[in-house]
Amino acid sequence: SPIRHLSRLRCPVVVAYGERDSPEFQRQAREFAEALRTSGRLRQLVVGAGLNHFELPETLADPQSALARAALALLGLR
């Protein structure tokens, strides 16, 4: 699990989960985001409104989506 390797992270991280993900996926994402926040590595937590675990990555193709904007910001292309 990546939460067990926080000390290895050297860059900011965006954590994303879908609003329609299972409660366990949502819990794990929020827990990971909080651990990243505590370590100073969380850039953003993105919640995909109305999306599930498989639909959320598809939104990367839409530059206006929250996940795509977060990814572009990580690249300095906001």
C-alpha atoms as a PDB file:
ATOM      1  CA  SER A   1       0.000   0.000   0.000  1.00  0.00           C
ATOM      2  CA  PRO A   2       1.375   3.447  -0.875  1.00  0.00           C
ATOM      3  CA  ILE A   3       0.374   4.794   2.534  1.00  0.00           C
ATOM      4  CA  ARG A   4       3.168   2.675   4.003  1.00  0.00           C
ATOM      5  CA  HIS A   5       5.795   4.368   1.843  1.00  0.00           C
ATOM      6  CA  LEU A   6       5.144   8.070   2.403  1.00  0.00           C
ATOM      7  CA  SER A   7       8.794   8.706   3.219  1.00  0.00           C
ATOM      8  CA  ARG A   8       9.740   7.717  -0.336  1.00  0.00           C
ATOM      9  CA  LEU A   9       7.587  10.407  -1.935  1.00  0.00           C
ATOM     10  CA  ARG A  10       9.542  13.349  -3.276  1.00  0.00           C
ATOM     11  CA  CYS A  11       6.799  15.135  -5.198  1.00  0.00           C
ATOM     12  CA  PRO A  12       3.318  16.534  -4.627  1.00  0.00           C
ATOM     13  CA  VAL A  13       0.467  14.049  -5.105  1.00  0.00           C
ATOM     14  CA  VAL A  14      -3.124  14.385  -6.293  1.00  0.00           C
ATOM     15  CA  VAL A  15      -5.502  11.822  -4.788  1.00  0.00           C
ATOM     16  CA  ALA A  16      -8.792  11.195  -6.557  1.00  0.00           C
ATOM     17  CA  TYR A  17     -11.813   9.026  -5.970  1.00  0.00           C
ATOM     18  CA  GLY A  18     -15.292   8.829  -7.418  1.00  0.00           C
ATOM     19  CA  GLU A  19     -18.388   9.834  -5.530  1.00  0.00           C
ATOM     20  CA  ARG A  20     -19.904   6.519  -6.635  1.00  0.00           C
ATOM     21  CA  ASP A  21     -16.913   4.452  -5.524  1.00  0.00           C
ATOM     22  CA  SER A  22     -17.452   1.896  -2.806  1.00  0.00           C
ATOM     23  CA  PRO A  23     -17.280   3.229   0.742  1.00  0.00           C
ATOM     24  CA  GLU A  24     -14.000   1.332   1.218  1.00  0.00           C
ATOM     25  CA  PHE A  25     -12.359   2.953  -1.842  1.00  0.00           C
ATOM     26  CA  GLN A  26     -13.506   6.334  -0.577  1.00  0.00           C
ATOM     27  CA  ARG A  27     -12.197   5.682   2.940  1.00  0.00           C
ATOM     28  CA  GLN A  28      -8.804   4.551   1.651  1.00  0.00           C
ATOM     29  CA  ALA A  29      -8.472   7.600  -0.604  1.00  0.00           C
ATOM     30  CA  ARG A  30      -9.386  10.008   2.200  1.00  0.00           C
ATOM     31  CA  GLU A  31      -6.997   8.264   4.605  1.00  0.00           C
ATOM     32  CA  PHE A  32      -4.173   8.416   2.064  1.00  0.00           C
ATOM     33  CA  ALA A  33      -4.906  12.083   1.352  1.00  0.00           C
ATOM     34  CA  GLU A  34      -4.808  12.911   5.069  1.00  0.00           C
ATOM     35  CA  ALA A  35      -1.493  11.096   5.482  1.00  0.00           C
ATOM     36  CA  LEU A  36      -0.129  13.029   2.502  1.00  0.00           C
ATOM     37  CA  ARG A  37      -1.446  16.290   3.933  1.00  0.00           C
ATOM     38  CA  THR A  38       0.317  15.562   7.231  1.00  0.00           C
ATOM     39  CA  SER A  39       3.582  14.845   5.403  1.00  0.00           C
ATOM     40  CA  GLY A  40       3.232  17.979   3.265  1.00  0.00           C
ATOM     41  CA  ARG A  41       2.867  16.058  -0.011  1.00  0.00           C
ATOM     42  CA  LEU A  42      -0.839  16.422  -0.780  1.00  0.00           C
ATOM     43  CA  ARG A  43      -1.431  18.818  -3.659  1.00  0.00           C
ATOM     44  CA  GLN A  44      -5.159  18.199  -3.992  1.00  0.00           C
ATOM     45  CA  LEU A  45      -7.960  15.772  -3.186  1.00  0.00           C
ATOM     46  CA  VAL A  46     -10.362  15.402  -6.119  1.00  0.00           C
ATOM     47  CA  VAL A  47     -13.811  13.850  -5.724  1.00  0.00           C
ATOM     48  CA  GLY A  48     -15.396  12.901  -9.031  1.00  0.00           C
ATOM     49  CA  ALA A  49     -19.053  13.927  -8.717  1.00  0.00           C
ATOM     50  CA  GLY A  50     -21.340  11.157  -9.920  1.00  0.00           C
ATOM     51  CA  LEU A  51     -18.392   9.006 -11.062  1.00  0.00           C
ATOM     52  CA  ASN A  52     -17.081   5.604 -10.094  1.00  0.00           C
ATOM     53  CA  HIS A  53     -13.570   4.128  -9.909  1.00  0.00           C
ATOM     54  CA  PHE A  54     -13.503   3.341 -13.633  1.00  0.00           C
ATOM     55  CA  GLU A  55     -15.174   6.485 -14.985  1.00  0.00           C
ATOM     56  CA  LEU A  56     -12.991   8.991 -13.137  1.00  0.00           C
ATOM     57  CA  PRO A  57      -9.778   8.376 -15.151  1.00  0.00           C
ATOM     58  CA  GLU A  58     -11.737   8.968 -18.366  1.00  0.00           C
ATOM     59  CA  THR A  59     -12.233  12.581 -17.280  1.00  0.00           C
ATOM     60  CA  LEU A  60      -8.513  13.222 -17.875  1.00  0.00           C
ATOM     61  CA  ALA A  61      -9.450  13.652 -21.548  1.00  0.00           C
ATOM     62  CA  ASP A  62     -11.556  16.702 -20.652  1.00  0.00           C
ATOM     63  CA  PRO A  63      -9.265  19.626 -19.780  1.00  0.00           C
ATOM     64  CA  GLN A  64     -12.136  21.278 -17.890  1.00  0.00           C
ATOM     65  CA  SER A  65     -12.631  18.338 -15.500  1.00  0.00           C
ATOM     66  CA  ALA A  66     -11.377  18.611 -11.933  1.00  0.00           C
ATOM     67  CA  LEU A  67      -8.950  15.718 -12.355  1.00  0.00           C
ATOM     68  CA  ALA A  68      -7.490  17.058 -15.609  1.00  0.00           C
ATOM     69  CA  ARG A  69      -7.095  20.542 -14.101  1.00  0.00           C
ATOM     70  CA  ALA A  70      -5.291  19.008 -11.114  1.00  0.00           C
ATOM     71  CA  ALA A  71      -2.972  17.020 -13.398  1.00  0.00           C
ATOM     72  CA  LEU A  72      -2.238  20.072 -15.548  1.00  0.00           C
ATOM     73  CA  ALA A  73      -1.504  22.105 -12.430  1.00  0.00           C
ATOM     74  CA  LEU A  74       1.016  19.470 -11.303  1.00  0.00           C
ATOM     75  CA  LEU A  75       2.756  19.976 -14.644  1.00  0.00           C
ATOM     76  CA  GLY A  76       2.660  23.750 -14.281  1.00  0.00           C
ATOM     77  CA  LEU A  77       0.258  24.066 -17.218  1.00  0.00           C
ATOM     78  CA  ARG A  78      -2.732  25.510 -15.441  1.00  0.00           C
END
